[in-house]
């Protein structure tokens, strides 16, 4: 997956978890989200100090607390994220 970094016009490739095929994305000023075809939600948060100069400042992580729930979409604003599930639940959180 590629993104335009804030303040930079050149696309950069995001590191991806190996088992996620992206079906939908959401973007805020500081985070990027992707819903995988498997129903998992991945979040990339910009880090100020990467571990090495060549490392991407965008680190992917699976959003926890969603065990057994499949996410169908993600919608984001600057202070919220909302995710409807396959069970008809709407989950919201600040990210």
Protein backbone atom coordinates (compact mmCIF):
# COMPACT_ATOMS: atom_id res chain seq x y z
CA UNK A 1 0.00 0.00 0.00
CA UNK A 2 1.30 3.47 -0.82
CA UNK A 3 0.61 6.84 0.79
CA UNK A 4 1.51 10.47 0.33
CA UNK A 5 3.30 11.48 3.51
CA UNK A 6 2.07 14.75 5.02
CA UNK A 7 4.17 17.59 3.60
CA UNK A 8 5.79 15.30 1.03
CA UNK A 9 4.44 14.87 -2.50
CA UNK A 10 6.26 11.62 -3.28
CA UNK A 11 4.47 8.33 -2.53
CA UNK A 12 5.96 6.01 0.09
CA UNK A 13 5.26 2.35 0.55
CA UNK A 14 3.76 1.35 3.88
CA UNK A 15 5.06 -1.79 5.56
CA UNK A 16 2.25 -4.36 5.46
CA UNK A 17 1.51 -7.34 7.68
CA UNK A 18 2.03 -10.42 5.50
CA UNK A 19 -1.47 -11.87 5.92
CA UNK A 20 -3.55 -8.73 5.13
CA UNK A 21 -5.10 -8.01 1.73
CA UNK A 22 -6.53 -4.47 1.94
CA UNK A 23 -10.16 -3.97 0.94
CA UNK A 24 -10.80 -0.45 2.33
CA UNK A 25 -8.81 2.43 3.93
CA UNK A 26 -9.36 5.42 6.23
CA UNK A 27 -6.97 8.31 6.83
CA UNK A 28 -6.57 10.98 9.52
CA UNK A 29 -3.84 13.59 10.00
CA UNK A 30 -1.75 11.21 12.11
CA UNK A 31 -3.01 7.67 11.37
CA UNK A 32 -3.81 5.40 8.47
CA UNK A 33 -6.25 2.49 8.78
CA UNK A 34 -6.93 -0.46 6.51
CA UNK A 35 -9.59 -3.15 6.63
CA UNK A 36 -8.35 -6.49 5.40
CA UNK A 37 -10.49 -8.85 3.36
CA UNK A 38 -10.33 -11.14 6.40
CA UNK A 39 -12.10 -8.48 8.53
CA UNK A 40 -9.02 -7.41 10.51
CA UNK A 41 -8.27 -3.73 11.17
CA UNK A 42 -4.69 -2.48 10.74
CA UNK A 43 -3.49 0.91 11.95
CA UNK A 44 -0.33 2.79 10.99
CA UNK A 45 0.72 5.52 13.39
CA UNK A 46 3.45 7.97 12.52
CA UNK A 47 6.42 7.63 14.85
CA UNK A 48 8.69 10.60 15.51
CA UNK A 49 11.85 8.55 16.03
CA UNK A 50 12.24 5.54 13.73
CA UNK A 51 14.55 2.79 14.96
CA UNK A 52 17.02 3.44 12.14
CA UNK A 53 17.42 6.19 9.53
CA UNK A 54 16.24 3.88 6.73
CA UNK A 55 13.23 2.55 8.66
CA UNK A 56 9.74 3.71 7.79
CA UNK A 57 8.25 6.09 10.39
CA UNK A 58 4.88 4.37 9.75
CA UNK A 59 4.60 1.22 11.89
CA UNK A 60 1.67 -1.18 11.28
CA UNK A 61 -0.18 -2.86 14.10
CA UNK A 62 -3.38 -4.83 14.37
CA UNK A 63 -6.06 -3.03 16.39
CA UNK A 64 -6.65 -5.11 19.50
CA UNK A 65 -9.87 -5.90 21.32
CA UNK A 66 -11.66 -7.10 18.20
CA UNK A 67 -11.24 -10.85 18.71
CA UNK A 68 -13.92 -12.82 16.89
CA UNK A 69 -15.33 -9.70 15.21
CA UNK A 70 -14.97 -8.98 11.51
CA UNK A 71 -14.74 -5.33 10.53
CA UNK A 72 -16.45 -4.41 7.27
CA UNK A 73 -15.53 -0.69 6.91
CA UNK A 74 -13.55 2.05 8.63
CA UNK A 75 -14.36 5.74 8.79
CA UNK A 76 -12.06 8.31 10.37
CA UNK A 77 -11.92 11.91 11.48
CA UNK A 78 -9.21 13.82 13.29
CA UNK A 79 -10.44 12.68 16.71
CA UNK A 80 -12.43 9.48 16.07
CA UNK A 81 -12.52 6.19 14.22
CA UNK A 82 -15.72 4.21 13.60
CA UNK A 83 -15.95 0.61 12.43
CA UNK A 84 -19.14 -1.33 11.71
CA UNK A 85 -18.81 -5.08 12.22
CA UNK A 86 -20.32 -8.11 10.54
CA UNK A 87 -22.59 -8.49 13.63
CA UNK A 88 -24.21 -5.08 13.18
CA UNK A 89 -22.21 -3.38 15.95
CA UNK A 90 -20.73 0.07 15.50
CA UNK A 91 -17.47 0.38 17.38
CA UNK A 92 -15.88 3.79 17.90
CA UNK A 93 -12.60 4.87 19.46
CA UNK A 94 -10.17 7.77 19.57
CA UNK A 95 -6.91 7.20 17.78
